Amino acid sequence: MTPRTERTRVQPVTRTAEPVDAASKRRPFRRDQILQAAVRLFNERGYHETGMNDIGAAVGITGPGIYRHFKNKQAILETALLEAGEQMMERIQRIAAESTSPGELLERLVDNYIETLLDYPALSTTVMAERRVLSETTRAWVTRHLRLHVEEWVGALLHVRPELTETEVRVVVLGVFGLSNSIDRVAHEMNRDRLAGLLKNMALATLYADKPAVDDAAARV
């Protein structure tokens, strides 16, 4: 049997991109508009096919006006990614500290994941498609925090479903994360609460799917 590993606790988030000053923490409305429009355009057209003028037109300003908020396209994409990731990881830390059982932790992780997907429906697919344009520092941040996120789920599910091996648990968790694939294509077509409920039911069905009955000889093949 695969040995169980100790649950990895999510460490405090350390942002490695440009420092955020007090003004940027207020996240002006125009700045948020730029982030949302840029991610949507990157997802629809591709990062390299989207120009600053395109982003400006989407929010009703000239392309040069964007430079008052961001120095270039890469900064826009990385800011959107890091801010969304930090918010999600901060919630995970709080959820892990407040949950009183592995089952509660697992359900709250599902809720948090779905909330992030619906808050940023185009971001995950954009980052996967355009990962190569991210700086080395940002790519390392993404890799580390994705691993920490996965480990939190794995630790909870190992306690909830002791009949599964660690490898089986990882397969199940990654299956849930597959919900993010192309969710941006339908997010605008459904009521948010209804879509969230559907995604949660799908995630829980995956997490609690019956372990297939396979004899030992077949399992070794």
C-alpha atoms as a PDB file:
ATOM      1  CA  MET A   1       0.000   0.000   0.000  1.00  0.00           C
ATOM      2  CA  THR A   2       1.238   3.487  -0.806  1.00  0.00           C
ATOM      3  CA  PRO A   3       2.492   5.130   2.400  1.00  0.00           C
ATOM      4  CA  ARG A   4       0.474   8.077   3.614  1.00  0.00           C
ATOM      5  CA  THR A   5       2.120  11.455   3.760  1.00  0.00           C
ATOM      6  CA  GLU A   6       1.623  14.109   6.396  1.00  0.00           C
ATOM      7  CA  ARG A   7      -0.823  16.783   5.366  1.00  0.00           C
ATOM      8  CA  THR A   8       0.972  19.840   4.029  1.00  0.00           C
ATOM      9  CA  ARG A   9      -0.200  23.059   5.593  1.00  0.00           C
ATOM     10  CA  VAL A  10      -0.601  26.067   3.379  1.00  0.00           C
ATOM     11  CA  GLN A  11       2.095  28.589   4.191  1.00  0.00           C
ATOM     12  CA  PRO A  12       1.494  32.343   4.228  1.00  0.00           C
ATOM     13  CA  VAL A  13       1.440  33.742   0.733  1.00  0.00           C
ATOM     14  CA  THR A  14       4.548  35.634  -0.315  1.00  0.00           C
ATOM     15  CA  ARG A  15       4.077  37.667  -3.428  1.00  0.00           C
ATOM     16  CA  THR A  16       7.228  37.767  -5.504  1.00  0.00           C
ATOM     17  CA  ALA A  17       6.158  40.184  -8.225  1.00  0.00           C
ATOM     18  CA  GLU A  18       6.183  43.945  -7.926  1.00  0.00           C
ATOM     19  CA  PRO A  19       5.395  45.279  -4.436  1.00  0.00           C
ATOM     20  CA  VAL A  20       1.870  46.551  -3.897  1.00  0.00           C
ATOM     21  CA  ASP A  21       1.607  50.023  -2.417  1.00  0.00           C
ATOM     22  CA  ALA A  22      -1.306  51.398  -0.419  1.00  0.00           C
ATOM     23  CA  ALA A  23      -2.907  52.998  -3.469  1.00  0.00           C
ATOM     24  CA  SER A  24      -2.897  49.797  -5.493  1.00  0.00           C
ATOM     25  CA  LYS A  25      -4.372  47.865  -2.554  1.00  0.00           C
ATOM     26  CA  ARG A  26      -7.473  50.021  -2.957  1.00  0.00           C
ATOM     27  CA  ARG A  27      -7.790  48.484  -6.428  1.00  0.00           C
ATOM     28  CA  PRO A  28      -9.359  51.405  -8.332  1.00  0.00           C
ATOM     29  CA  PHE A  29     -12.386  50.528 -10.414  1.00  0.00           C
ATOM     30  CA  ARG A  30     -10.626  51.359 -13.693  1.00  0.00           C
ATOM     31  CA  ARG A  31      -7.724  49.098 -12.794  1.00  0.00           C
ATOM     32  CA  ASP A  32     -10.090  46.204 -12.124  1.00  0.00           C
ATOM     33  CA  GLN A  33     -11.833  46.860 -15.428  1.00  0.00           C
ATOM     34  CA  ILE A  34      -8.510  46.637 -17.240  1.00  0.00           C
ATOM     35  CA  LEU A  35      -7.599  43.369 -15.537  1.00  0.00           C
ATOM     36  CA  GLN A  36     -10.947  41.754 -16.323  1.00  0.00           C
ATOM     37  CA  ALA A  37     -11.050  42.940 -19.925  1.00  0.00           C
ATOM     38  CA  ALA A  38      -7.450  41.954 -20.601  1.00  0.00           C
ATOM     39  CA  VAL A  39      -7.864  38.413 -19.277  1.00  0.00           C
ATOM     40  CA  ARG A  40     -11.038  37.992 -21.324  1.00  0.00           C
ATOM     41  CA  LEU A  41      -9.313  39.221 -24.491  1.00  0.00           C
ATOM     42  CA  PHE A  42      -6.215  37.110 -23.853  1.00  0.00           C
ATOM     43  CA  ASN A  43      -8.484  34.083 -23.549  1.00  0.00           C
ATOM     44  CA  GLU A  44     -10.569  34.892 -26.644  1.00  0.00           C
ATOM     45  CA  ARG A  45      -7.852  36.107 -29.018  1.00  0.00           C
ATOM     46  CA  GLY A  46      -4.595  34.960 -27.505  1.00  0.00           C
ATOM     47  CA  TYR A  47      -2.031  36.931 -25.559  1.00  0.00           C
ATOM     48  CA  HIS A  48       0.139  37.905 -28.523  1.00  0.00           C
ATOM     49  CA  GLU A  49      -2.848  38.835 -30.696  1.00  0.00           C
ATOM     50  CA  THR A  50      -4.191  41.271 -28.090  1.00  0.00           C
ATOM     51  CA  GLY A  51      -2.726  44.774 -28.076  1.00  0.00           C
ATOM     52  CA  MET A  52      -2.866  47.500 -25.475  1.00  0.00           C
ATOM     53  CA  ASN A  53      -5.197  49.461 -27.771  1.00  0.00           C
ATOM     54  CA  ASP A  54      -7.591  46.484 -27.798  1.00  0.00           C
ATOM     55  CA  ILE A  55      -7.607  46.384 -24.003  1.00  0.00           C
ATOM     56  CA  GLY A  56      -8.089  50.140 -23.804  1.00  0.00           C
ATOM     57  CA  ALA A  57     -11.000  50.044 -26.253  1.00  0.00           C
ATOM     58  CA  ALA A  58     -12.683  47.339 -24.170  1.00  0.00           C
ATOM     59  CA  VAL A  59     -12.782  49.616 -21.132  1.00  0.00           C
ATOM     60  CA  GLY A  60     -13.356  52.911 -22.929  1.00  0.00           C
ATOM     61  CA  ILE A  61      -9.907  54.472 -22.721  1.00  0.00           C
ATOM     62  CA  THR A  62      -6.979  54.838 -25.096  1.00  0.00           C
ATOM     63  CA  GLY A  63      -4.241  52.229 -25.121  1.00  0.00           C
ATOM     64  CA  PRO A  64      -1.648  54.634 -23.665  1.00  0.00           C
ATOM     65  CA  GLY A  65      -4.005  55.306 -20.755  1.00  0.00           C
ATOM     66  CA  ILE A  66      -3.409  51.752 -19.547  1.00  0.00           C
ATOM     67  CA  TYR A  67       0.210  52.611 -18.793  1.00  0.00           C
ATOM     68  CA  ARG A  68      -0.942  54.708 -15.852  1.00  0.00           C
ATOM     69  CA  HIS A  69      -1.897  51.401 -14.211  1.00  0.00           C
ATOM     70  CA  PHE A  70       0.401  48.757 -15.752  1.00  0.00           C
ATOM     71  CA  LYS A  71       3.763  48.940 -17.446  1.00  0.00           C
ATOM     72  CA  ASN A  72       2.970  46.281 -20.102  1.00  0.00           C
ATOM     73  CA  LYS A  73       0.769  43.296 -21.037  1.00  0.00           C
ATOM     74  CA  GLN A  74       2.853  40.870 -19.024  1.00  0.00           C
ATOM     75  CA  ALA A  75       2.288  42.972 -15.902  1.00  0.00           C
ATOM     76  CA  ILE A  76      -1.477  42.874 -16.514  1.00  0.00           C
ATOM     77  CA  LEU A  77      -1.576  39.080 -16.839  1.00  0.00           C
ATOM     78  CA  GLU A  78       0.725  38.484 -13.885  1.00  0.00           C
ATOM     79  CA  THR A  79      -1.169  40.932 -11.672  1.00  0.00           C
ATOM     80  CA  ALA A  80      -4.491  39.238 -12.455  1.00  0.00           C
ATOM     81  CA  LEU A  81      -2.991  35.833 -11.728  1.00  0.00           C
ATOM     82  CA  LEU A  82      -1.204  36.787  -8.525  1.00  0.00           C
ATOM     83  CA  GLU A  83      -4.127  38.704  -7.055  1.00  0.00           C
ATOM     84  CA  ALA A  84      -6.594  35.901  -7.766  1.00  0.00           C
ATOM     85  CA  GLY A  85      -4.147  33.309  -6.451  1.00  0.00           C
ATOM     86  CA  GLU A  86      -3.412  35.248  -3.281  1.00  0.00           C
ATOM     87  CA  GLN A  87      -7.091  35.692  -2.517  1.00  0.00           C
ATOM     88  CA  MET A  88      -7.731  31.990  -2.974  1.00  0.00           C
ATOM     89  CA  MET A  89      -4.745  30.922  -0.859  1.00  0.00           C
ATOM     90  CA  GLU A  90      -5.655  33.353   1.925  1.00  0.00           C
ATOM     91  CA  ARG A  91      -9.133  31.834   2.038  1.00  0.00           C
ATOM     92  CA  ILE A  92      -7.602  28.339   2.123  1.00  0.00           C
ATOM     93  CA  GLN A  93      -5.490  29.283   5.146  1.00  0.00           C
ATOM     94  CA  ARG A  94      -8.602  30.554   6.918  1.00  0.00           C
ATOM     95  CA  ILE A  95     -10.640  27.499   5.939  1.00  0.00           C
ATOM     96  CA  ALA A  96      -7.920  25.120   7.163  1.00  0.00           C
ATOM     97  CA  ALA A  97      -7.704  26.939  10.488  1.00  0.00           C
ATOM     98  CA  GLU A  98     -11.461  27.099  11.059  1.00  0.00           C
ATOM     99  CA  SER A  99     -12.606  23.653   9.868  1.00  0.00           C
ATOM    100  CA  THR A 100     -13.370  21.181  12.638  1.00  0.00           C
ATOM    101  CA  SER A 101     -13.250  17.985  10.586  1.00  0.00           C
ATOM    102  CA  PRO A 102     -11.706  16.695   7.341  1.00  0.00           C
ATOM    103  CA  GLY A 103     -15.179  16.456   5.813  1.00  0.00           C
ATOM    104  CA  GLU A 104     -15.961  20.087   6.579  1.00  0.00           C
ATOM    105  CA  LEU A 105     -12.540  21.138   5.281  1.00  0.00           C
ATOM    106  CA  LEU A 106     -13.080  19.257   2.035  1.00  0.00           C
ATOM    107  CA  GLU A 107     -16.500  20.786   1.386  1.00  0.00           C
ATOM    108  CA  ARG A 108     -15.244  24.288   2.131  1.00  0.00           C
ATOM    109  CA  LEU A 109     -12.284  23.756  -0.203  1.00  0.00           C
ATOM    110  CA  VAL A 110     -14.789  22.837  -2.919  1.00  0.00           C
ATOM    111  CA  ASP A 111     -16.791  26.011  -2.242  1.00  0.00           C
ATOM    112  CA  ASN A 112     -13.641  28.125  -2.324  1.00  0.00           C
ATOM    113  CA  TYR A 113     -12.445  26.577  -5.574  1.00  0.00           C
ATOM    114  CA  ILE A 114     -15.784  27.133  -7.288  1.00  0.00           C
ATOM    115  CA  GLU A 115     -16.017  30.708  -6.004  1.00  0.00           C
ATOM    116  CA  THR A 116     -12.586  31.439  -7.489  1.00  0.00           C
ATOM    117  CA  LEU A 117     -13.537  29.821 -10.812  1.00  0.00           C
ATOM    118  CA  LEU A 118     -16.651  31.949 -11.095  1.00  0.00           C
ATOM    119  CA  ASP A 119     -14.919  35.123  -9.974  1.00  0.00           C
ATOM    120  CA  TYR A 120     -12.213  34.628 -12.632  1.00  0.00           C
ATOM    121  CA  PRO A 121     -13.772  32.326 -15.260  1.00  0.00           C
ATOM    122  CA  ALA A 122     -11.243  33.018 -18.030  1.00  0.00           C
ATOM    123  CA  LEU A 123      -8.108  33.232 -15.909  1.00  0.00           C
ATOM    124  CA  SER A 124      -7.217  29.575 -15.456  1.00  0.00           C
ATOM    125  CA  THR A 125      -7.508  28.715 -19.150  1.00  0.00           C
ATOM    126  CA  THR A 126      -5.606  31.868 -20.098  1.00  0.00           C
ATOM    127  CA  VAL A 127      -2.741  31.092 -17.731  1.00  0.00           C
ATOM    128  CA  MET A 128      -2.480  27.504 -18.956  1.00  0.00           C
ATOM    129  CA  ALA A 129      -2.398  28.652 -22.574  1.00  0.00           C
ATOM    130  CA  GLU A 130      -0.016  31.568 -21.994  1.00  0.00           C
ATOM    131  CA  ARG A 131       2.164  30.185 -19.195  1.00  0.00           C
ATOM    132  CA  ARG A 132       5.283  30.674 -21.308  1.00  0.00           C
ATOM    133  CA  VAL A 133       4.901  34.471 -21.227  1.00  0.00           C
ATOM    134  CA  LEU A 134       5.026  34.587 -17.435  1.00  0.00           C
ATOM    135  CA  SER A 135       8.267  35.538 -15.750  1.00  0.00           C
ATOM    136  CA  GLU A 136      10.340  32.790 -14.166  1.00  0.00           C
ATOM    137  CA  THR A 137       9.475  34.162 -10.733  1.00  0.00           C
ATOM    138  CA  THR A 138       5.740  34.066 -11.427  1.00  0.00           C
ATOM    139  CA  ARG A 139       5.902  30.568 -12.924  1.00  0.00           C
ATOM    140  CA  ALA A 140       7.685  29.372  -9.781  1.00  0.00           C
ATOM    141  CA  TRP A 141       4.991  31.026  -7.645  1.00  0.00           C
ATOM    142  CA  VAL A 142       2.246  29.299  -9.620  1.00  0.00           C
ATOM    143  CA  THR A 143       3.929  25.890  -9.353  1.00  0.00           C
ATOM    144  CA  ARG A 144       4.522  26.173  -5.612  1.00  0.00           C
ATOM    145  CA  HIS A 145       1.074  27.389  -4.692  1.00  0.00           C
ATOM    146  CA  LEU A 146      -0.676  24.910  -6.942  1.00  0.00           C
ATOM    147  CA  ARG A 147       1.242  22.141  -5.169  1.00  0.00           C
ATOM    148  CA  LEU A 148       0.233  23.506  -1.766  1.00  0.00           C
ATOM    149  CA  HIS A 149      -3.384  23.745  -2.906  1.00  0.00           C
ATOM    150  CA  VAL A 150      -3.378  20.141  -4.136  1.00  0.00           C
ATOM    151  CA  GLU A 151      -1.770  18.888  -0.912  1.00  0.00           C
ATOM    152  CA  GLU A 152      -4.469  20.504   1.212  1.00  0.00           C
ATOM    153  CA  TRP A 153      -7.134  18.634  -0.758  1.00  0.00           C
ATOM    154  CA  VAL A 154      -5.183  15.384  -0.721  1.00  0.00           C
ATOM    155  CA  GLY A 155      -4.673  15.549   3.040  1.00  0.00           C
ATOM    156  CA  ALA A 156      -8.379  16.095   3.683  1.00  0.00           C
ATOM    157  CA  LEU A 157      -9.549  13.392   1.279  1.00  0.00           C
ATOM    158  CA  LEU A 158      -7.108  10.830   2.689  1.00  0.00           C
ATOM    159  CA  HIS A 159      -8.793  11.236   6.063  1.00  0.00           C
ATOM    160  CA  VAL A 160     -12.320  11.197   4.656  1.00  0.00           C
ATOM    161  CA  ARG A 161     -11.730   8.178   2.383  1.00  0.00           C
ATOM    162  CA  PRO A 162      -9.187   5.885   4.059  1.00  0.00           C
ATOM    163  CA  GLU A 163     -10.063   3.060   1.644  1.00  0.00           C
ATOM    164  CA  LEU A 164      -8.266   4.914  -1.153  1.00  0.00           C
ATOM    165  CA  THR A 165      -4.520   4.904  -1.708  1.00  0.00           C
ATOM    166  CA  GLU A 166      -2.707   8.210  -1.902  1.00  0.00           C
ATOM    167  CA  THR A 167      -2.311   7.793  -5.657  1.00  0.00           C
ATOM    168  CA  GLU A 168      -6.042   7.202  -6.039  1.00  0.00           C
ATOM    169  CA  VAL A 169      -6.775  10.279  -3.966  1.00  0.00           C
ATOM    170  CA  ARG A 170      -4.539  12.417  -6.174  1.00  0.00           C
ATOM    171  CA  VAL A 171      -6.319  11.156  -9.281  1.00  0.00           C
ATOM    172  CA  VAL A 172      -9.675  12.113  -7.743  1.00  0.00           C
ATOM    173  CA  VAL A 173      -8.473  15.585  -6.699  1.00  0.00           C
ATOM    174  CA  LEU A 174      -7.028  16.308 -10.129  1.00  0.00           C
ATOM    175  CA  GLY A 175     -10.324  15.154 -11.619  1.00  0.00           C
ATOM    176  CA  VAL A 176     -12.128  17.823  -9.598  1.00  0.00           C
ATOM    177  CA  PHE A 177      -9.648  20.452 -10.753  1.00  0.00           C
ATOM    178  CA  GLY A 178     -10.571  19.509 -14.312  1.00  0.00           C
ATOM    179  CA  LEU A 179     -13.835  21.369 -13.716  1.00  0.00           C
ATOM    180  CA  SER A 180     -11.961  24.541 -14.592  1.00  0.00           C
ATOM    181  CA  ASN A 181     -11.492  23.474 -18.207  1.00  0.00           C
ATOM    182  CA  SER A 182     -13.454  25.851 -20.447  1.00  0.00           C
ATOM    183  CA  ILE A 183     -15.781  26.982 -17.656  1.00  0.00           C
ATOM    184  CA  ASP A 184     -15.386  30.474 -19.078  1.00  0.00           C
ATOM    185  CA  ARG A 185     -17.306  29.354 -22.179  1.00  0.00           C
ATOM    186  CA  VAL A 186     -20.528  28.843 -20.230  1.00  0.00           C
ATOM    187  CA  ALA A 187     -20.160  30.988 -17.106  1.00  0.00           C
ATOM    188  CA  HIS A 188     -22.055  33.896 -18.677  1.00  0.00           C
ATOM    189  CA  GLU A 189     -24.889  31.661 -19.891  1.00  0.00           C
ATOM    190  CA  MET A 190     -26.136  30.503 -16.481  1.00  0.00           C
ATOM    191  CA  ASN A 191     -27.250  32.092 -13.261  1.00  0.00           C
ATOM    192  CA  ARG A 192     -24.173  32.172 -11.016  1.00  0.00           C
ATOM    193  CA  ASP A 193     -25.800  30.461  -8.023  1.00  0.00           C
ATOM    194  CA  ARG A 194     -27.253  27.732 -10.218  1.00  0.00           C
ATOM    195  CA  LEU A 195     -23.907  27.130 -11.921  1.00  0.00           C
ATOM    196  CA  ALA A 196     -22.108  27.095  -8.562  1.00  0.00           C
ATOM    197  CA  GLY A 197     -24.560  24.503  -7.251  1.00  0.00           C
ATOM    198  CA  LEU A 198     -24.113  22.330 -10.322  1.00  0.00           C
ATOM    199  CA  LEU A 199     -20.320  22.513 -10.112  1.00  0.00           C
ATOM    200  CA  LYS A 200     -20.396  21.693  -6.399  1.00  0.00           C
ATOM    201  CA  ASN A 201     -22.581  18.638  -6.991  1.00  0.00           C
ATOM    202  CA  MET A 202     -20.191  17.473  -9.720  1.00  0.00           C
ATOM    203  CA  ALA A 203     -17.154  18.016  -7.483  1.00  0.00           C
ATOM    204  CA  LEU A 204     -18.656  16.141  -4.532  1.00  0.00           C
ATOM    205  CA  ALA A 205     -19.773  13.306  -6.811  1.00  0.00           C
ATOM    206  CA  THR A 206     -16.176  12.990  -8.015  1.00  0.00           C
ATOM    207  CA  LEU A 207     -14.679  13.162  -4.519  1.00  0.00           C
ATOM    208  CA  TYR A 208     -17.057  10.507  -3.194  1.00  0.00           C
ATOM    209  CA  ALA A 209     -17.195   8.296  -6.289  1.00  0.00           C
ATOM    210  CA  ASP A 210     -17.240   4.586  -5.475  1.00  0.00           C
ATOM    211  CA  LYS A 211     -13.918   2.848  -5.651  1.00  0.00           C
ATOM    212  CA  PRO A 212     -14.129   0.394  -8.568  1.00  0.00           C
ATOM    213  CA  ALA A 213     -14.168  -3.283  -7.663  1.00  0.00           C
ATOM    214  CA  VAL A 214     -11.029  -4.692  -9.265  1.00  0.00           C
ATOM    215  CA  ASP A 215      -9.440  -7.974  -8.256  1.00  0.00           C
ATOM    216  CA  ASP A 216      -5.823  -7.947  -7.104  1.00  0.00           C
ATOM    217  CA  ALA A 217      -4.506  -9.649 -10.253  1.00  0.00           C
ATOM    218  CA  ALA A 218      -6.142  -7.123 -12.549  1.00  0.00           C
ATOM    219  CA  ALA A 219      -4.972  -4.219 -10.395  1.00  0.00           C
ATOM    220  CA  ARG A 220      -1.353  -5.280 -10.855  1.00  0.00           C
ATOM    221  CA  VAL A 221      -1.572  -5.301 -14.663  1.00  0.00           C
END
